[in-house]
Amino acid sequence: LLLDSRRGTSQFDRNIMGWFDEADIPYTLVMTKADRVGVPQVVRFTNEVCMRYHSQLHSGKGTQGPIVHVTSASKNRGIEELMASVDADFTGY
């Protein structure tokens, strides 16, 4: 699921994540345009997403949260790691 780092999660994004969670479908969050915001905002956004799953896990209502990748295509940051993760998901390595 692609998330714009400048905007955070929308209600639509949260609905999609909720549907994936309810169906027990694993997914990856890709935070795009990380170069357009400051590091504190990227950290806050990542923590917000991760804490959602932490609270669900400890309430007995959820499973392990998604993998979160922080990327910037214009600065070529996080792209290689994202591609390796996608490759591993399909090849099992």
PDB file of N, CA and C in Angstrom:
ATOM      1  N   LEU A   1       0.858  -1.164   0.000  1.00  0.00           N
ATOM      2  CA  LEU A   1       0.000   0.000   0.000  1.00  0.00           C
ATOM      3  C   LEU A   1       0.904   1.227   0.000  1.00  0.00           C
ATOM      4  N   LEU A   2       0.738   2.097  -0.985  1.00  0.00           N
ATOM      5  CA  LEU A   2       1.558   3.306  -1.093  1.00  0.00           C
ATOM      6  C   LEU A   2       0.957   4.420  -0.250  1.00  0.00           C
ATOM      7  N   LEU A   3       1.792   5.040   0.574  1.00  0.00           N
ATOM      8  CA  LEU A   3       1.366   6.146   1.434  1.00  0.00           C
ATOM      9  C   LEU A   3       2.280   7.340   1.200  1.00  0.00           C
ATOM     10  N   ASP A   4       1.715   8.472   0.919  1.00  0.00           N
ATOM     11  CA  ASP A   4       2.481   9.694   0.701  1.00  0.00           C
ATOM     12  C   ASP A   4       2.955  10.225   2.057  1.00  0.00           C
ATOM     13  N   SER A   5       4.270  10.309   2.250  1.00  0.00           N
ATOM     14  CA  SER A   5       4.834  10.765   3.524  1.00  0.00           C
ATOM     15  C   SER A   5       4.403  12.171   3.891  1.00  0.00           C
ATOM     16  N   ARG A   6       4.053  12.969   2.909  1.00  0.00           N
ATOM     17  CA  ARG A   6       3.637  14.345   3.173  1.00  0.00           C
ATOM     18  C   ARG A   6       2.239  14.414   3.766  1.00  0.00           C
ATOM     19  N   ARG A   7       1.443  13.378   3.571  1.00  0.00           N
ATOM     20  CA  ARG A   7       0.035  13.437   3.957  1.00  0.00           C
ATOM     21  C   ARG A   7      -0.352  12.523   5.109  1.00  0.00           C
ATOM     22  N   GLY A   8       0.455  11.513   5.403  1.00  0.00           N
ATOM     23  CA  GLY A   8       0.073  10.568   6.450  1.00  0.00           C
ATOM     24  C   GLY A   8      -0.998   9.614   5.946  1.00  0.00           C
ATOM     25  N   THR A   9      -1.652   8.927   6.865  1.00  0.00           N
ATOM     26  CA  THR A   9      -2.676   7.968   6.464  1.00  0.00           C
ATOM     27  C   THR A   9      -4.042   8.654   6.404  1.00  0.00           C
ATOM     28  N   SER A  10      -4.775   8.349   5.362  1.00  0.00           N
ATOM     29  CA  SER A  10      -6.137   8.861   5.228  1.00  0.00           C
ATOM     30  C   SER A  10      -7.101   7.815   5.790  1.00  0.00           C
ATOM     31  N   GLN A  11      -8.345   8.192   5.911  1.00  0.00           N
ATOM     32  CA  GLN A  11      -9.357   7.231   6.356  1.00  0.00           C
ATOM     33  C   GLN A  11      -9.442   6.072   5.372  1.00  0.00           C
ATOM     34  N   PHE A  12      -9.321   6.369   4.081  1.00  0.00           N
ATOM     35  CA  PHE A  12      -9.336   5.315   3.066  1.00  0.00           C
ATOM     36  C   PHE A  12      -8.180   4.338   3.281  1.00  0.00           C
ATOM     37  N   ASP A  13      -6.972   4.861   3.551  1.00  0.00           N
ATOM     38  CA  ASP A  13      -5.809   4.004   3.819  1.00  0.00           C
ATOM     39  C   ASP A  13      -6.081   3.106   5.030  1.00  0.00           C
ATOM     40  N   ARG A  14      -6.630   3.697   6.089  1.00  0.00           N
ATOM     41  CA  ARG A  14      -6.924   2.919   7.299  1.00  0.00           C
ATOM     42  C   ARG A  14      -7.974   1.849   7.026  1.00  0.00           C
ATOM     43  N   ASN A  15      -8.964   2.170   6.164  1.00  0.00           N
ATOM     44  CA  ASN A  15      -9.970   1.164   5.796  1.00  0.00           C
ATOM     45  C   ASN A  15      -9.327   0.000   5.051  1.00  0.00           C
ATOM     46  N   ILE A  16      -8.453   0.309   4.101  1.00  0.00           N
ATOM     47  CA  ILE A  16      -7.764  -0.741   3.336  1.00  0.00           C
ATOM     48  C   ILE A  16      -6.946  -1.617   4.281  1.00  0.00           C
ATOM     49  N   MET A  17      -6.184  -0.986   5.186  1.00  0.00           N
ATOM     50  CA  MET A  17      -5.387  -1.763   6.152  1.00  0.00           C
ATOM     51  C   MET A  17      -6.291  -2.629   7.021  1.00  0.00           C
ATOM     52  N   GLY A  18      -7.427  -2.082   7.415  1.00  0.00           N
ATOM     53  CA  GLY A  18      -8.377  -2.849   8.225  1.00  0.00           C
ATOM     54  C   GLY A  18      -8.910  -4.060   7.481  1.00  0.00           C
ATOM     55  N   TRP A  19      -9.214  -3.892   6.193  1.00  0.00           N
ATOM     56  CA  TRP A  19      -9.689  -5.032   5.397  1.00  0.00           C
ATOM     57  C   TRP A  19      -8.618  -6.100   5.275  1.00  0.00           C
ATOM     58  N   PHE A  20      -7.380  -5.671   5.025  1.00  0.00           N
ATOM     59  CA  PHE A  20      -6.279  -6.639   4.956  1.00  0.00           C
ATOM     60  C   PHE A  20      -6.136  -7.371   6.290  1.00  0.00           C
ATOM     61  N   ASP A  21      -6.212  -6.620   7.384  1.00  0.00           N
ATOM     62  CA  ASP A  21      -6.074  -7.228   8.711  1.00  0.00           C
ATOM     63  C   ASP A  21      -7.182  -8.238   8.976  1.00  0.00           C
ATOM     64  N   GLU A  22      -8.426  -7.842   8.695  1.00  0.00           N
ATOM     65  CA  GLU A  22      -9.569  -8.735   8.940  1.00  0.00           C
ATOM     66  C   GLU A  22      -9.466 -10.020   8.122  1.00  0.00           C
ATOM     67  N   ALA A  23      -8.957  -9.895   6.900  1.00  0.00           N
ATOM     68  CA  ALA A  23      -8.811 -11.065   6.025  1.00  0.00           C
ATOM     69  C   ALA A  23      -7.504 -11.804   6.276  1.00  0.00           C
ATOM     70  N   ASP A  24      -6.709 -11.312   7.217  1.00  0.00           N
ATOM     71  CA  ASP A  24      -5.413 -11.907   7.545  1.00  0.00           C
ATOM     72  C   ASP A  24      -4.510 -11.988   6.312  1.00  0.00           C
ATOM     73  N   ILE A  25      -4.512 -10.894   5.533  1.00  0.00           N
ATOM     74  CA  ILE A  25      -3.679 -10.794   4.332  1.00  0.00           C
ATOM     75  C   ILE A  25      -2.442  -9.968   4.666  1.00  0.00           C
ATOM     76  N   PRO A  26      -1.248 -10.540   4.553  1.00  0.00           N
ATOM     77  CA  PRO A  26      -0.043  -9.757   4.822  1.00  0.00           C
ATOM     78  C   PRO A  26       0.163  -8.689   3.750  1.00  0.00           C
ATOM     79  N   TYR A  27       0.701  -7.558   4.150  1.00  0.00           N
ATOM     80  CA  TYR A  27       0.947  -6.476   3.205  1.00  0.00           C
ATOM     81  C   TYR A  27       2.117  -5.629   3.655  1.00  0.00           C
ATOM     82  N   THR A  28       2.581  -4.802   2.750  1.00  0.00           N
ATOM     83  CA  THR A  28       3.707  -3.915   2.990  1.00  0.00           C
ATOM     84  C   THR A  28       3.248  -2.483   2.790  1.00  0.00           C
ATOM     85  N   LEU A  29       3.698  -1.587   3.656  1.00  0.00           N
ATOM     86  CA  LEU A  29       3.428  -0.160   3.503  1.00  0.00           C
ATOM     87  C   LEU A  29       4.673   0.492   2.921  1.00  0.00           C
ATOM     88  N   VAL A  30       4.496   1.268   1.869  1.00  0.00           N
ATOM     89  CA  VAL A  30       5.609   1.978   1.245  1.00  0.00           C
ATOM     90  C   VAL A  30       5.334   3.468   1.393  1.00  0.00           C
ATOM     91  N   MET A  31       6.134   4.104   2.232  1.00  0.00           N
ATOM     92  CA  MET A  31       6.019   5.544   2.428  1.00  0.00           C
ATOM     93  C   MET A  31       6.827   6.227   1.334  1.00  0.00           C
ATOM     94  N   THR A  32       6.146   6.914   0.445  1.00  0.00           N
ATOM     95  CA  THR A  32       6.792   7.557  -0.697  1.00  0.00           C
ATOM     96  C   THR A  32       7.105   9.020  -0.384  1.00  0.00           C
ATOM     97  N   LYS A  33       7.965   9.601  -1.194  1.00  0.00           N
ATOM     98  CA  LYS A  33       8.308  11.027  -1.112  1.00  0.00           C
ATOM     99  C   LYS A  33       8.883  11.432   0.248  1.00  0.00           C
ATOM    100  N   ALA A  34       9.648  10.552   0.853  1.00  0.00           N
ATOM    101  CA  ALA A  34      10.227  10.833   2.176  1.00  0.00           C
ATOM    102  C   ALA A  34      11.198  12.001   2.133  1.00  0.00           C
ATOM    103  N   ASP A  35      11.738  12.311   0.954  1.00  0.00           N
ATOM    104  CA  ASP A  35      12.661  13.438   0.831  1.00  0.00           C
ATOM    105  C   ASP A  35      11.938  14.780   0.915  1.00  0.00           C
ATOM    106  N   ARG A  36      10.627  14.779   0.797  1.00  0.00           N
ATOM    107  CA  ARG A  36       9.851  16.023   0.797  1.00  0.00           C
ATOM    108  C   ARG A  36       9.460  16.502   2.188  1.00  0.00           C
ATOM    109  N   VAL A  37       9.721  15.682   3.205  1.00  0.00           N
ATOM    110  CA  VAL A  37       9.393  16.054   4.584  1.00  0.00           C
ATOM    111  C   VAL A  37      10.625  15.850   5.455  1.00  0.00           C
ATOM    112  N   GLY A  38      10.616  16.411   6.636  1.00  0.00           N
ATOM    113  CA  GLY A  38      11.742  16.256   7.551  1.00  0.00           C
ATOM    114  C   GLY A  38      11.766  14.879   8.191  1.00  0.00           C
ATOM    115  N   VAL A  39      12.923  14.518   8.687  1.00  0.00           N
ATOM    116  CA  VAL A  39      13.096  13.225   9.357  1.00  0.00           C
ATOM    117  C   VAL A  39      12.128  13.065  10.525  1.00  0.00           C
ATOM    118  N   PRO A  40      11.921  14.106  11.371  1.00  0.00           N
ATOM    119  CA  PRO A  40      10.977  13.930  12.474  1.00  0.00           C
ATOM    120  C   PRO A  40       9.567  13.543  12.010  1.00  0.00           C
ATOM    121  N   GLN A  41       9.119  14.107  10.891  1.00  0.00           N
ATOM    122  CA  GLN A  41       7.788  13.768  10.398  1.00  0.00           C
ATOM    123  C   GLN A  41       7.749  12.328   9.896  1.00  0.00           C
ATOM    124  N   VAL A  42       8.797  11.872   9.231  1.00  0.00           N
ATOM    125  CA  VAL A  42       8.852  10.487   8.758  1.00  0.00           C
ATOM    126  C   VAL A  42       8.848   9.533   9.948  1.00  0.00           C
ATOM    127  N   VAL A  43       9.618   9.855  10.974  1.00  0.00           N
ATOM    128  CA  VAL A  43       9.670   9.009  12.175  1.00  0.00           C
ATOM    129  C   VAL A  43       8.304   8.978  12.863  1.00  0.00           C
ATOM    130  N   ARG A  44       7.667  10.137  12.977  1.00  0.00           N
ATOM    131  CA  ARG A  44       6.346  10.220  13.611  1.00  0.00           C
ATOM    132  C   ARG A  44       5.322   9.394  12.838  1.00  0.00           C
ATOM    133  N   PHE A  45       5.329   9.516  11.527  1.00  0.00           N
ATOM    134  CA  PHE A  45       4.405   8.786  10.671  1.00  0.00           C
ATOM    135  C   PHE A  45       4.638   7.271  10.795  1.00  0.00           C
ATOM    136  N   THR A  46       5.891   6.862  10.747  1.00  0.00           N
ATOM    137  CA  THR A  46       6.226   5.435  10.880  1.00  0.00           C
ATOM    138  C   THR A  46       5.795   4.910  12.244  1.00  0.00           C
ATOM    139  N   ASN A  47       6.076   5.673  13.297  1.00  0.00           N
ATOM    140  CA  ASN A  47       5.674   5.257  14.644  1.00  0.00           C
ATOM    141  C   ASN A  47       4.160   5.148  14.770  1.00  0.00           C
ATOM    142  N   GLU A  48       3.443   6.080  14.163  1.00  0.00           N
ATOM    143  CA  GLU A  48       1.981   6.054  14.203  1.00  0.00           C
ATOM    144  C   GLU A  48       1.451   4.755  13.603  1.00  0.00           C
ATOM    145  N   VAL A  49       1.991   4.387  12.458  1.00  0.00           N
ATOM    146  CA  VAL A  49       1.557   3.160  11.788  1.00  0.00           C
ATOM    147  C   VAL A  49       1.929   1.942  12.633  1.00  0.00           C
ATOM    148  N   CYS A  50       3.149   1.906  13.131  1.00  0.00           N
ATOM    149  CA  CYS A  50       3.604   0.752  13.912  1.00  0.00           C
ATOM    150  C   CYS A  50       2.866   0.619  15.247  1.00  0.00           C
ATOM    151  N   MET A  51       2.573   1.731  15.899  1.00  0.00           N
ATOM    152  CA  MET A  51       1.868   1.684  17.188  1.00  0.00           C
ATOM    153  C   MET A  51       0.443   1.179  17.029  1.00  0.00           C
ATOM    154  N   ARG A  52      -0.148   1.411  15.874  1.00  0.00           N
ATOM    155  CA  ARG A  52      -1.492   0.881  15.599  1.00  0.00           C
ATOM    156  C   ARG A  52      -1.476  -0.637  15.749  1.00  0.00           C
ATOM    157  N   TYR A  53      -0.456  -1.274  15.223  1.00  0.00           N
ATOM    158  CA  TYR A  53      -0.365  -2.725  15.276  1.00  0.00           C
ATOM    159  C   TYR A  53       0.094  -3.212  16.640  1.00  0.00           C
ATOM    160  N   HIS A  54       0.914  -2.434  17.300  1.00  0.00           N
ATOM    161  CA  HIS A  54       1.354  -2.796  18.642  1.00  0.00           C
ATOM    162  C   HIS A  54       0.144  -2.871  19.570  1.00  0.00           C
ATOM    163  N   SER A  55      -0.740  -1.868  19.490  1.00  0.00           N
ATOM    164  CA  SER A  55      -1.908  -1.861  20.365  1.00  0.00           C
ATOM    165  C   SER A  55      -2.868  -2.995  20.007  1.00  0.00           C
ATOM    166  N   GLN A  56      -3.027  -3.299  18.722  1.00  0.00           N
ATOM    167  CA  GLN A  56      -3.895  -4.406  18.324  1.00  0.00           C
ATOM    168  C   GLN A  56      -3.332  -5.741  18.794  1.00  0.00           C
ATOM    169  N   LEU A  57      -2.022  -5.905  18.654  1.00  0.00           N
ATOM    170  CA  LEU A  57      -1.381  -7.155  19.045  1.00  0.00           C
ATOM    171  C   LEU A  57      -1.552  -7.413  20.535  1.00  0.00           C
ATOM    172  N   HIS A  58      -1.387  -6.371  21.341  1.00  0.00           N
ATOM    173  CA  HIS A  58      -1.477  -6.536  22.789  1.00  0.00           C
ATOM    174  C   HIS A  58      -2.909  -6.539  23.307  1.00  0.00           C
ATOM    175  N   SER A  59      -3.870  -6.195  22.459  1.00  0.00           N
ATOM    176  CA  SER A  59      -5.272  -6.283  22.868  1.00  0.00           C
ATOM    177  C   SER A  59      -5.862  -7.628  22.448  1.00  0.00           C
ATOM    178  N   GLY A  60      -5.068  -8.427  21.743  1.00  0.00           N
ATOM    179  CA  GLY A  60      -5.530  -9.730  21.292  1.00  0.00           C
ATOM    180  C   GLY A  60      -6.366  -9.674  20.028  1.00  0.00           C
ATOM    181  N   LYS A  61      -6.428  -8.521  19.367  1.00  0.00           N
ATOM    182  CA  LYS A  61      -7.277  -8.358  18.194  1.00  0.00           C
ATOM    183  C   LYS A  61      -6.514  -8.393  16.885  1.00  0.00           C
ATOM    184  N   GLY A  62      -5.212  -8.403  16.921  1.00  0.00           N
ATOM    185  CA  GLY A  62      -4.473  -8.281  15.669  1.00  0.00           C
ATOM    186  C   GLY A  62      -3.315  -9.233  15.561  1.00  0.00           C
ATOM    187  N   THR A  63      -2.675  -9.154  14.439  1.00  0.00           N
ATOM    188  CA  THR A  63      -1.491  -9.955  14.181  1.00  0.00           C
ATOM    189  C   THR A  63      -0.322  -9.010  13.964  1.00  0.00           C
ATOM    190  N   GLN A  64       0.798  -9.574  13.622  1.00  0.00           N
ATOM    191  CA  GLN A  64       1.965  -8.748  13.356  1.00  0.00           C
ATOM    192  C   GLN A  64       1.649  -7.755  12.257  1.00  0.00           C
ATOM    193  N   GLY A  65       2.099  -6.536  12.414  1.00  0.00           N
ATOM    194  CA  GLY A  65       1.829  -5.485  11.445  1.00  0.00           C
ATOM    195  C   GLY A  65       2.629  -5.645  10.177  1.00  0.00           C
ATOM    196  N   PRO A  66       2.375  -4.758   9.249  1.00  0.00           N
ATOM    197  CA  PRO A  66       3.063  -4.833   7.960  1.00  0.00           C
ATOM    198  C   PRO A  66       4.513  -4.371   8.053  1.00  0.00           C
ATOM    199  N   ILE A  67       5.281  -4.731   7.054  1.00  0.00           N
ATOM    200  CA  ILE A  67       6.622  -4.186   6.899  1.00  0.00           C
ATOM    201  C   ILE A  67       6.455  -2.772   6.370  1.00  0.00           C
ATOM    202  N   VAL A  68       7.243  -1.839   6.884  1.00  0.00           N
ATOM    203  CA  VAL A  68       7.160  -0.451   6.451  1.00  0.00           C
ATOM    204  C   VAL A  68       8.467  -0.076   5.761  1.00  0.00           C
ATOM    205  N   HIS A  69       8.369   0.407   4.531  1.00  0.00           N
ATOM    206  CA  HIS A  69       9.528   0.885   3.784  1.00  0.00           C
ATOM    207  C   HIS A  69       9.392   2.385   3.587  1.00  0.00           C
ATOM    208  N   VAL A  70      10.462   3.105   3.851  1.00  0.00           N
ATOM    209  CA  VAL A  70      10.510   4.549   3.628  1.00  0.00           C
ATOM    210  C   VAL A  70      11.335   4.778   2.373  1.00  0.00           C
ATOM    211  N   THR A  71      10.731   5.447   1.376  1.00  0.00           N
ATOM    212  CA  THR A  71      11.398   5.587   0.091  1.00  0.00           C
ATOM    213  C   THR A  71      11.387   7.017  -0.436  1.00  0.00           C
ATOM    214  N   SER A  72      12.340   7.275  -1.294  1.00  0.00           N
ATOM    215  CA  SER A  72      12.400   8.511  -2.063  1.00  0.00           C
ATOM    216  C   SER A  72      12.954   8.155  -3.436  1.00  0.00           C
ATOM    217  N   ALA A  73      12.112   8.214  -4.433  1.00  0.00           N
ATOM    218  CA  ALA A  73      12.565   7.876  -5.786  1.00  0.00           C
ATOM    219  C   ALA A  73      13.548   8.913  -6.307  1.00  0.00           C
ATOM    220  N   SER A  74      13.303  10.187  -6.017  1.00  0.00           N
ATOM    221  CA  SER A  74      14.190  11.232  -6.546  1.00  0.00           C
ATOM    222  C   SER A  74      15.574  11.181  -5.920  1.00  0.00           C
ATOM    223  N   LYS A  75      15.679  10.718  -4.679  1.00  0.00           N
ATOM    224  CA  LYS A  75      16.977  10.597  -4.003  1.00  0.00           C
ATOM    225  C   LYS A  75      17.497   9.161  -4.027  1.00  0.00           C
ATOM    226  N   ASN A  76      16.702   8.253  -4.620  1.00  0.00           N
ATOM    227  CA  ASN A  76      17.045   6.830  -4.700  1.00  0.00           C
ATOM    228  C   ASN A  76      17.313   6.231  -3.320  1.00  0.00           C
ATOM    229  N   ARG A  77      16.469   6.567  -2.373  1.00  0.00           N
ATOM    230  CA  ARG A  77      16.605   6.040  -1.009  1.00  0.00           C
ATOM    231  C   ARG A  77      15.509   5.019  -0.727  1.00  0.00           C
ATOM    232  N   GLY A  78      15.931   3.889  -0.206  1.00  0.00           N
ATOM    233  CA  GLY A  78      15.000   2.845   0.182  1.00  0.00           C
ATOM    234  C   GLY A  78      14.498   1.987  -0.959  1.00  0.00           C
ATOM    235  N   ILE A  79      14.828   2.333  -2.176  1.00  0.00           N
ATOM    236  CA  ILE A  79      14.334   1.602  -3.346  1.00  0.00           C
ATOM    237  C   ILE A  79      14.959   0.205  -3.426  1.00  0.00           C
ATOM    238  N   GLU A  80      16.258   0.145  -3.230  1.00  0.00           N
ATOM    239  CA  GLU A  80      16.946  -1.149  -3.295  1.00  0.00           C
ATOM    240  C   GLU A  80      16.420  -2.114  -2.231  1.00  0.00           C
ATOM    241  N   GLU A  81      16.204  -1.604  -1.021  1.00  0.00           N
ATOM    242  CA  GLU A  81      15.686  -2.427   0.071  1.00  0.00           C
ATOM    243  C   GLU A  81      14.265  -2.899  -0.228  1.00  0.00           C
ATOM    244  N   LEU A  82      13.455  -1.992  -0.789  1.00  0.00           N
ATOM    245  CA  LEU A  82      12.086  -2.353  -1.158  1.00  0.00           C
ATOM    246  C   LEU A  82      12.087  -3.454  -2.204  1.00  0.00           C
ATOM    247  N   MET A  83      12.914  -3.296  -3.228  1.00  0.00           N
ATOM    248  CA  MET A  83      12.981  -4.303  -4.290  1.00  0.00           C
ATOM    249  C   MET A  83      13.450  -5.655  -3.755  1.00  0.00           C
ATOM    250  N   ALA A  84      14.413  -5.650  -2.838  1.00  0.00           N
ATOM    251  CA  ALA A  84      14.889  -6.900  -2.238  1.00  0.00           C
ATOM    252  C   ALA A  84      13.783  -7.559  -1.420  1.00  0.00           C
ATOM    253  N   SER A  85      13.003  -6.749  -0.722  1.00  0.00           N
ATOM    254  CA  SER A  85      11.900  -7.277   0.078  1.00  0.00           C
ATOM    255  C   SER A  85      10.816  -7.893  -0.803  1.00  0.00           C
ATOM    256  N   VAL A  86      10.468  -7.211  -1.878  1.00  0.00           N
ATOM    257  CA  VAL A  86       9.469  -7.738  -2.817  1.00  0.00           C
ATOM    258  C   VAL A  86       9.980  -9.033  -3.443  1.00  0.00           C
ATOM    259  N   ASP A  87      11.238  -9.046  -3.837  1.00  0.00           N
ATOM    260  CA  ASP A  87      11.841 -10.233  -4.417  1.00  0.00           C
ATOM    261  C   ASP A  87      11.782 -11.404  -3.422  1.00  0.00           C
ATOM    262  N   ALA A  88      12.112 -11.132  -2.173  1.00  0.00           N
ATOM    263  CA  ALA A  88      12.090 -12.173  -1.146  1.00  0.00           C
ATOM    264  C   ALA A  88      10.680 -12.708  -0.913  1.00  0.00           C
ATOM    265  N   ASP A  89       9.682 -11.833  -1.004  1.00  0.00           N
ATOM    266  CA  ASP A  89       8.305 -12.275  -0.828  1.00  0.00           C
ATOM    267  C   ASP A  89       7.899 -13.287  -1.895  1.00  0.00           C
ATOM    268  N   PHE A  90       8.406 -13.113  -3.104  1.00  0.00           N
ATOM    269  CA  PHE A  90       8.015 -13.994  -4.197  1.00  0.00           C
ATOM    270  C   PHE A  90       8.910 -15.203  -4.361  1.00  0.00           C
ATOM    271  N   THR A  91      10.174 -15.077  -3.969  1.00  0.00           N
ATOM    272  CA  THR A  91      11.090 -16.203  -4.149  1.00  0.00           C
ATOM    273  C   THR A  91      11.297 -17.001  -2.863  1.00  0.00           C
ATOM    274  N   GLY A  92      10.947 -16.402  -1.738  1.00  0.00           N
ATOM    275  CA  GLY A  92      11.137 -17.084  -0.462  1.00  0.00           C
ATOM    276  C   GLY A  92      12.542 -16.957   0.097  1.00  0.00           C
ATOM    277  N   TYR A  93      13.369 -16.103  -0.501  1.00  0.00           N
ATOM    278  CA  TYR A  93      14.747 -15.909  -0.041  1.00  0.00           C
ATOM    279  C   TYR A  93      14.931 -14.545   0.535  1.00  0.00           C
TER     280      TYR A  93
END
